[in-house]
PDB file of N, CA and C in Angstrom:
ATOM      1  N   MET A   1     158.571 157.072 -42.372  1.00  0.00           N
ATOM      2  CA  MET A   1     159.171 155.746 -42.433  1.00  0.00           C
ATOM      3  C   MET A   1     160.548 155.872 -43.081  1.00  0.00           C
ATOM      4  N   GLN A   2     161.547 155.325 -42.411  1.00  0.00           N
ATOM      5  CA  GLN A   2     162.895 155.274 -42.968  1.00  0.00           C
ATOM      6  C   GLN A   2     163.140 153.867 -43.478  1.00  0.00           C
ATOM      7  N   ILE A   3     163.743 153.747 -44.656  1.00  0.00           N
ATOM      8  CA  ILE A   3     164.019 152.445 -45.247  1.00  0.00           C
ATOM      9  C   ILE A   3     165.527 152.257 -45.317  1.00  0.00           C
ATOM     10  N   THR A   4     166.007 151.146 -44.771  1.00  0.00           N
ATOM     11  CA  THR A   4     167.408 150.759 -44.919  1.00  0.00           C
ATOM     12  C   THR A   4     167.438 149.412 -45.634  1.00  0.00           C
ATOM     13  N   TYR A   5     168.561 149.114 -46.253  1.00  0.00           N
ATOM     14  CA  TYR A   5     168.692 147.924 -47.083  1.00  0.00           C
ATOM     15  C   TYR A   5     169.866 147.083 -46.621  1.00  0.00           C
ATOM     16  N   THR A   6     169.657 145.772 -46.527  1.00  0.00           N
ATOM     17  CA  THR A   6     170.773 144.874 -46.249  1.00  0.00           C
ATOM     18  C   THR A   6     171.625 144.761 -47.500  1.00  0.00           C
ATOM     19  N   TYR A   7     172.823 144.230 -47.334  1.00  0.00           N
ATOM     20  CA  TYR A   7     173.705 144.003 -48.479  1.00  0.00           C
ATOM     21  C   TYR A   7     173.018 143.081 -49.493  1.00  0.00           C
ATOM     22  N   HIS A   8     172.379 142.040 -48.991  1.00  0.00           N
ATOM     23  CA  HIS A   8     171.668 141.100 -49.871  1.00  0.00           C
ATOM     24  C   HIS A   8     170.583 141.811 -50.678  1.00  0.00           C
ATOM     25  N   ALA A   9     169.820 142.675 -50.016  1.00  0.00           N
ATOM     26  CA  ALA A   9     168.757 143.407 -50.715  1.00  0.00           C
ATOM     27  C   ALA A   9     169.349 144.274 -51.827  1.00  0.00           C
ATOM     28  N   ARG A  10     170.457 144.953 -51.541  1.00  0.00           N
ATOM     29  CA  ARG A  10     171.108 145.793 -52.567  1.00  0.00           C
ATOM     30  C   ARG A  10     171.577 144.943 -53.747  1.00  0.00           C
ATOM     31  N   GLN A  11     172.112 143.768 -53.468  1.00  0.00           N
ATOM     32  CA  GLN A  11     172.529 142.871 -54.549  1.00  0.00           C
ATOM     33  C   GLN A  11     171.337 142.492 -55.426  1.00  0.00           C
ATOM     34  N   ARG A  12     170.240 142.092 -54.806  1.00  0.00           N
ATOM     35  CA  ARG A  12     169.056 141.685 -55.559  1.00  0.00           C
ATOM     36  C   ARG A  12     168.467 142.854 -56.347  1.00  0.00           C
ATOM     37  N   MET A  13     168.486 144.030 -55.758  1.00  0.00           N
ATOM     38  CA  MET A  13     167.987 145.215 -56.463  1.00  0.00           C
ATOM     39  C   MET A  13     168.804 145.454 -57.723  1.00  0.00           C
ATOM     40  N   HIS A  14     170.123 145.331 -57.620  1.00  0.00           N
ATOM     41  CA  HIS A  14     170.994 145.529 -58.780  1.00  0.00           C
ATOM     42  C   HIS A  14     170.736 144.457 -59.844  1.00  0.00           C
ATOM     43  N   GLU A  15     170.683 143.188 -59.417  1.00  0.00           N
ATOM     44  CA  GLU A  15     170.471 142.071 -60.345  1.00  0.00           C
ATOM     45  C   GLU A  15     169.128 142.153 -61.057  1.00  0.00           C
ATOM     46  N   ARG A  16     168.111 142.670 -60.354  1.00  0.00           N
ATOM     47  CA  ARG A  16     166.743 142.637 -60.869  1.00  0.00           C
ATOM     48  C   ARG A  16     166.241 143.999 -61.327  1.00  0.00           C
ATOM     49  N   SER A  17     167.140 144.969 -61.405  1.00  0.00           N
ATOM     50  CA  SER A  17     166.791 146.326 -61.865  1.00  0.00           C
ATOM     51  C   SER A  17     165.633 146.921 -61.064  1.00  0.00           C
ATOM     52  N   VAL A  18     165.753 146.832 -59.749  1.00  0.00           N
ATOM     53  CA  VAL A  18     164.761 147.412 -58.841  1.00  0.00           C
ATOM     54  C   VAL A  18     165.368 148.681 -58.254  1.00  0.00           C
ATOM     55  N   ARG A  19     164.652 149.776 -58.337  1.00  0.00           N
ATOM     56  CA  ARG A  19     165.142 151.050 -57.798  1.00  0.00           C
ATOM     57  C   ARG A  19     164.562 151.288 -56.407  1.00  0.00           C
ATOM     58  N   GLU A  20     165.193 152.185 -55.663  1.00  0.00           N
ATOM     59  CA  GLU A  20     164.685 152.526 -54.338  1.00  0.00           C
ATOM     60  C   GLU A  20     163.255 153.055 -54.430  1.00  0.00           C
ATOM     61  N   GLY A  21     162.947 153.800 -55.484  1.00  0.00           N
ATOM     62  CA  GLY A  21     161.593 154.309 -55.671  1.00  0.00           C
ATOM     63  C   GLY A  21     160.566 153.200 -55.830  1.00  0.00           C
ATOM     64  N   ASP A  22     160.973 152.098 -56.475  1.00  0.00           N
ATOM     65  CA  ASP A  22     160.090 150.934 -56.601  1.00  0.00           C
ATOM     66  C   ASP A  22     159.765 150.355 -55.225  1.00  0.00           C
ATOM     67  N   VAL A  23     160.796 150.209 -54.403  1.00  0.00           N
ATOM     68  CA  VAL A  23     160.618 149.643 -53.063  1.00  0.00           C
ATOM     69  C   VAL A  23     159.741 150.565 -52.218  1.00  0.00           C
ATOM     70  N   GLU A  24     160.034 151.858 -52.253  1.00  0.00           N
ATOM     71  CA  GLU A  24     159.255 152.812 -51.459  1.00  0.00           C
ATOM     72  C   GLU A  24     157.782 152.795 -51.859  1.00  0.00           C
ATOM     73  N   LEU A  25     157.509 152.756 -53.162  1.00  0.00           N
ATOM     74  CA  LEU A  25     156.119 152.716 -53.625  1.00  0.00           C
ATOM     75  C   LEU A  25     155.440 151.427 -53.167  1.00  0.00           C
ATOM     76  N   CYS A  26     156.130 150.305 -53.284  1.00  0.00           N
ATOM     77  CA  CYS A  26     155.565 149.024 -52.858  1.00  0.00           C
ATOM     78  C   CYS A  26     155.217 149.048 -51.375  1.00  0.00           C
ATOM     79  N   LEU A  27     156.106 149.622 -50.562  1.00  0.00           N
ATOM     80  CA  LEU A  27     155.886 149.634 -49.116  1.00  0.00           C
ATOM     81  C   LEU A  27     154.800 150.611 -48.684  1.00  0.00           C
ATOM     82  N   THR A  28     154.496 151.592 -49.506  1.00  0.00           N
ATOM     83  CA  THR A  28     153.456 152.558 -49.136  1.00  0.00           C
ATOM     84  C   THR A  28     152.117 152.283 -49.807  1.00  0.00           C
ATOM     85  N   LYS A  29     152.125 151.659 -50.981  1.00  0.00           N
ATOM     86  CA  LYS A  29     150.890 151.395 -51.735  1.00  0.00           C
ATOM     87  C   LYS A  29     150.655 149.896 -51.913  1.00  0.00           C
ATOM     88  N   TYR A  30     151.070 149.117 -50.930  1.00  0.00           N
ATOM     89  CA  TYR A  30     150.969 147.659 -51.062  1.00  0.00           C
ATOM     90  C   TYR A  30     149.515 147.201 -51.153  1.00  0.00           C
ATOM     91  N   VAL A  31     149.334 146.052 -51.805  1.00  0.00           N
ATOM     92  CA  VAL A  31     148.006 145.446 -51.909  1.00  0.00           C
ATOM     93  C   VAL A  31     147.896 144.225 -51.008  1.00  0.00           C
ATOM     94  N   GLU A  32     149.038 143.730 -50.517  1.00  0.00           N
ATOM     95  CA  GLU A  32     149.034 142.570 -49.628  1.00  0.00           C
ATOM     96  C   GLU A  32     150.221 142.688 -48.675  1.00  0.00           C
ATOM     97  N   ARG A  33     149.977 142.350 -47.426  1.00  0.00           N
ATOM     98  CA  ARG A  33     151.027 142.353 -46.400  1.00  0.00           C
ATOM     99  C   ARG A  33     150.850 141.085 -45.585  1.00  0.00           C
ATOM    100  N   VAL A  34     151.892 140.245 -45.550  1.00  0.00           N
ATOM    101  CA  VAL A  34     151.824 138.967 -44.858  1.00  0.00           C
ATOM    102  C   VAL A  34     152.889 138.947 -43.766  1.00  0.00           C
ATOM    103  N   ASN A  35     152.459 138.801 -42.507  1.00  0.00           N
ATOM    104  CA  ASN A  35     153.389 138.708 -41.383  1.00  0.00           C
ATOM    105  C   ASN A  35     153.824 137.269 -41.205  1.00  0.00           C
ATOM    106  N   GLY A  36     155.099 137.098 -40.868  1.00  0.00           N
ATOM    107  CA  GLY A  36     155.629 135.772 -40.583  1.00  0.00           C
ATOM    108  C   GLY A  36     156.629 135.848 -39.450  1.00  0.00           C
ATOM    109  N   SER A  37     157.110 134.713 -39.021  1.00  0.00           N
ATOM    110  CA  SER A  37     158.044 134.674 -37.893  1.00  0.00           C
ATOM    111  C   SER A  37     159.393 135.281 -38.253  1.00  0.00           C
ATOM    112  N   ARG A  38     159.734 135.320 -39.548  1.00  0.00           N
ATOM    113  CA  ARG A  38     161.027 135.871 -39.968  1.00  0.00           C
ATOM    114  C   ARG A  38     160.890 137.247 -40.600  1.00  0.00           C
ATOM    115  N   GLY A  39     159.752 137.882 -40.411  1.00  0.00           N
ATOM    116  CA  GLY A  39     159.557 139.215 -40.954  1.00  0.00           C
ATOM    117  C   GLY A  39     158.236 139.342 -41.672  1.00  0.00           C
ATOM    118  N   CYS A  40     158.192 140.242 -42.606  1.00  0.00           N
ATOM    119  CA  CYS A  40     156.954 140.569 -43.299  1.00  0.00           C
ATOM    120  C   CYS A  40     157.226 140.647 -44.795  1.00  0.00           C
ATOM    121  N   ARG A  41     156.245 140.215 -45.584  1.00  0.00           N
ATOM    122  CA  ARG A  41     156.377 140.330 -47.035  1.00  0.00           C
ATOM    123  C   ARG A  41     155.298 141.282 -47.532  1.00  0.00           C
ATOM    124  N   TYR A  42     155.721 142.257 -48.321  1.00  0.00           N
ATOM    125  CA  TYR A  42     154.801 143.201 -48.953  1.00  0.00           C
ATOM    126  C   TYR A  42     154.724 142.883 -50.433  1.00  0.00           C
ATOM    127  N   ARG A  43     153.553 143.059 -50.995  1.00  0.00           N
ATOM    128  CA  ARG A  43     153.336 142.886 -52.433  1.00  0.00           C
ATOM    129  C   ARG A  43     152.620 144.137 -52.917  1.00  0.00           C
ATOM    130  N   GLY A  44     153.220 144.818 -53.879  1.00  0.00           N
ATOM    131  CA  GLY A  44     152.621 146.053 -54.374  1.00  0.00           C
ATOM    132  C   GLY A  44     153.270 146.498 -55.665  1.00  0.00           C
ATOM    133  N   PRO A  45     152.782 147.594 -56.227  1.00  0.00           N
ATOM    134  CA  PRO A  45     153.294 148.061 -57.512  1.00  0.00           C
ATOM    135  C   PRO A  45     154.645 148.742 -57.372  1.00  0.00           C
ATOM    136  N   GLY A  46     155.460 148.585 -58.419  1.00  0.00           N
ATOM    137  CA  GLY A  46     156.670 149.379 -58.567  1.00  0.00           C
ATOM    138  C   GLY A  46     156.327 150.606 -59.415  1.00  0.00           C
ATOM    139  N   LEU A  47     157.319 151.413 -59.719  1.00  0.00           N
ATOM    140  CA  LEU A  47     157.081 152.637 -60.491  1.00  0.00           C
ATOM    141  C   LEU A  47     156.548 152.349 -61.892  1.00  0.00           C
ATOM    142  N   SER A  48     156.912 151.184 -62.455  1.00  0.00           N
ATOM    143  CA  SER A  48     156.457 150.827 -63.802  1.00  0.00           C
ATOM    144  C   SER A  48     155.043 150.258 -63.800  1.00  0.00           C
ATOM    145  N   GLY A  49     154.512 149.967 -62.609  1.00  0.00           N
ATOM    146  CA  GLY A  49     153.194 149.336 -62.511  1.00  0.00           C
ATOM    147  C   GLY A  49     153.276 147.836 -62.338  1.00  0.00           C
ATOM    148  N   ASP A  50     154.458 147.241 -62.610  1.00  0.00           N
ATOM    149  CA  ASP A  50     154.646 145.808 -62.377  1.00  0.00           C
ATOM    150  C   ASP A  50     154.637 145.535 -60.884  1.00  0.00           C
ATOM    151  N   MET A  51     154.201 144.340 -60.506  1.00  0.00           N
ATOM    152  CA  MET A  51     154.109 143.986 -59.097  1.00  0.00           C
ATOM    153  C   MET A  51     155.476 143.568 -58.555  1.00  0.00           C
ATOM    154  N   LEU A  52     155.759 144.038 -57.344  1.00  0.00           N
ATOM    155  CA  LEU A  52     157.027 143.798 -56.673  1.00  0.00           C
ATOM    156  C   LEU A  52     156.750 143.136 -55.329  1.00  0.00           C
ATOM    157  N   LYS A  53     157.646 142.249 -54.912  1.00  0.00           N
ATOM    158  CA  LYS A  53     157.575 141.657 -53.578  1.00  0.00           C
ATOM    159  C   LYS A  53     158.785 142.148 -52.791  1.00  0.00           C
ATOM    160  N   VAL A  54     158.544 142.600 -51.563  1.00  0.00           N
ATOM    161  CA  VAL A  54     159.604 143.132 -50.704  1.00  0.00           C
ATOM    162  C   VAL A  54     159.526 142.425 -49.361  1.00  0.00           C
ATOM    163  N   TRP A  55     160.650 141.837 -48.936  1.00  0.00           N
ATOM    164  CA  TRP A  55     160.731 141.167 -47.643  1.00  0.00           C
ATOM    165  C   TRP A  55     161.418 142.095 -46.660  1.00  0.00           C
ATOM    166  N   VAL A  56     160.780 142.276 -45.497  1.00  0.00           N
ATOM    167  CA  VAL A  56     161.247 143.202 -44.469  1.00  0.00           C
ATOM    168  C   VAL A  56     161.570 142.417 -43.205  1.00  0.00           C
ATOM    169  N   ALA A  57     162.684 142.768 -42.565  1.00  0.00           N
ATOM    170  CA  ALA A  57     163.105 142.095 -41.336  1.00  0.00           C
ATOM    171  C   ALA A  57     162.169 142.435 -40.184  1.00  0.00           C
ATOM    172  N   PRO A  58     161.995 141.501 -39.235  1.00  0.00           N
ATOM    173  CA  PRO A  58     161.172 141.803 -38.068  1.00  0.00           C
ATOM    174  C   PRO A  58     161.903 142.783 -37.153  1.00  0.00           C
ATOM    175  N   PRO A  59     161.255 143.476 -36.242  1.00  0.00           N
ATOM    176  CA  PRO A  59     159.806 143.505 -36.075  1.00  0.00           C
ATOM    177  C   PRO A  59     159.165 144.481 -37.050  1.00  0.00           C
ATOM    178  N   ASP A  60     157.974 144.156 -37.469  1.00  0.00           N
ATOM    179  CA  ASP A  60     157.223 144.999 -38.395  1.00  0.00           C
ATOM    180  C   ASP A  60     155.775 145.009 -37.928  1.00  0.00           C
ATOM    181  N   TYR A  61     155.547 145.635 -36.793  1.00  0.00           N
ATOM    182  CA  TYR A  61     154.220 145.618 -36.188  1.00  0.00           C
ATOM    183  C   TYR A  61     153.279 146.624 -36.809  1.00  0.00           C
ATOM    184  N   ASP A  62     153.825 147.654 -37.392  1.00  0.00           N
ATOM    185  CA  ASP A  62     153.014 148.751 -37.923  1.00  0.00           C
ATOM    186  C   ASP A  62     153.552 149.130 -39.298  1.00  0.00           C
ATOM    187  N   PRO A  63     152.686 149.228 -40.310  1.00  0.00           N
ATOM    188  CA  PRO A  63     153.161 149.607 -41.643  1.00  0.00           C
ATOM    189  C   PRO A  63     153.893 150.954 -41.679  1.00  0.00           C
ATOM    190  N   ALA A  64     153.693 151.809 -40.679  1.00  0.00           N
ATOM    191  CA  ALA A  64     154.363 153.111 -40.661  1.00  0.00           C
ATOM    192  C   ALA A  64     155.743 153.044 -40.007  1.00  0.00           C
ATOM    193  N   ASP A  65     156.111 151.896 -39.408  1.00  0.00           N
ATOM    194  CA  ASP A  65     157.418 151.753 -38.761  1.00  0.00           C
ATOM    195  C   ASP A  65     158.550 151.827 -39.782  1.00  0.00           C
ATOM    196  N   ASP A  66     159.766 152.104 -39.281  1.00  0.00           N
ATOM    197  CA  ASP A  66     160.948 152.051 -40.138  1.00  0.00           C
ATOM    198  C   ASP A  66     161.123 150.624 -40.641  1.00  0.00           C
ATOM    199  N   LYS A  67     161.721 150.475 -41.814  1.00  0.00           N
ATOM    200  CA  LYS A  67     161.854 149.165 -42.447  1.00  0.00           C
ATOM    201  C   LYS A  67     163.314 148.829 -42.714  1.00  0.00           C
ATOM    202  N   VAL A  68     163.663 147.553 -42.534  1.00  0.00           N
ATOM    203  CA  VAL A  68     164.948 147.016 -42.971  1.00  0.00           C
ATOM    204  C   VAL A  68     164.610 145.997 -44.055  1.00  0.00           C
ATOM    205  N   VAL A  69     164.903 146.341 -45.296  1.00  0.00           N
ATOM    206  CA  VAL A  69     164.576 145.483 -46.439  1.00  0.00           C
ATOM    207  C   VAL A  69     165.623 144.386 -46.563  1.00  0.00           C
ATOM    208  N   LYS A  70     165.148 143.119 -46.581  1.00  0.00           N
ATOM    209  CA  LYS A  70     166.030 141.962 -46.679  1.00  0.00           C
ATOM    210  C   LYS A  70     166.208 141.489 -48.117  1.00  0.00           C
ATOM    211  N   SER A  71     165.150 141.564 -48.925  1.00  0.00           N
ATOM    212  CA  SER A  71     165.223 141.097 -50.302  1.00  0.00           C
ATOM    213  C   SER A  71     164.069 141.673 -51.111  1.00  0.00           C
ATOM    214  N   VAL A  72     164.223 141.640 -52.423  1.00  0.00           N
ATOM    215  CA  VAL A  72     163.183 142.124 -53.331  1.00  0.00           C
ATOM    216  C   VAL A  72     163.133 141.252 -54.577  1.00  0.00           C
ATOM    217  N   ALA A  73     161.977 141.135 -55.197  1.00  0.00           N
ATOM    218  CA  ALA A  73     161.839 140.387 -56.441  1.00  0.00           C
ATOM    219  C   ALA A  73     160.602 140.870 -57.196  1.00  0.00           C
ATOM    220  N   TRP A  74     160.725 140.929 -58.497  1.00  0.00           N
ATOM    221  CA  TRP A  74     159.548 141.216 -59.320  1.00  0.00           C
ATOM    222  C   TRP A  74     158.668 139.988 -59.333  1.00  0.00           C
ATOM    223  N   GLU A  75     157.376 140.185 -59.312  1.00  0.00           N
ATOM    224  CA  GLU A  75     156.444 139.068 -59.380  1.00  0.00           C
ATOM    225  C   GLU A  75     156.396 138.555 -60.803  1.00  0.00           C
ATOM    226  N   VAL A  76     156.464 137.237 -60.937  1.00  0.00           N
ATOM    227  CA  VAL A  76     156.451 136.623 -62.276  1.00  0.00           C
ATOM    228  C   VAL A  76     155.058 136.190 -62.639  1.00  0.00           C
TER     229      VAL A  76
END
């Protein structure tokens, strides 16, 4: 799986202290995956163990597909 990031995602990662390793772990060890018309949302652990939410652009038919990350946020 190759992960690319939109400009918006990079901004949010910087603002929220999210590293690429956090995103990669969330996308591979997710505990919840929700498909929607505008993409997919993953919920899973970051490197610190805190829960992270990652929004991925469509199409996302298979968890093993390449990903375009649209946004990220730590779960509150």
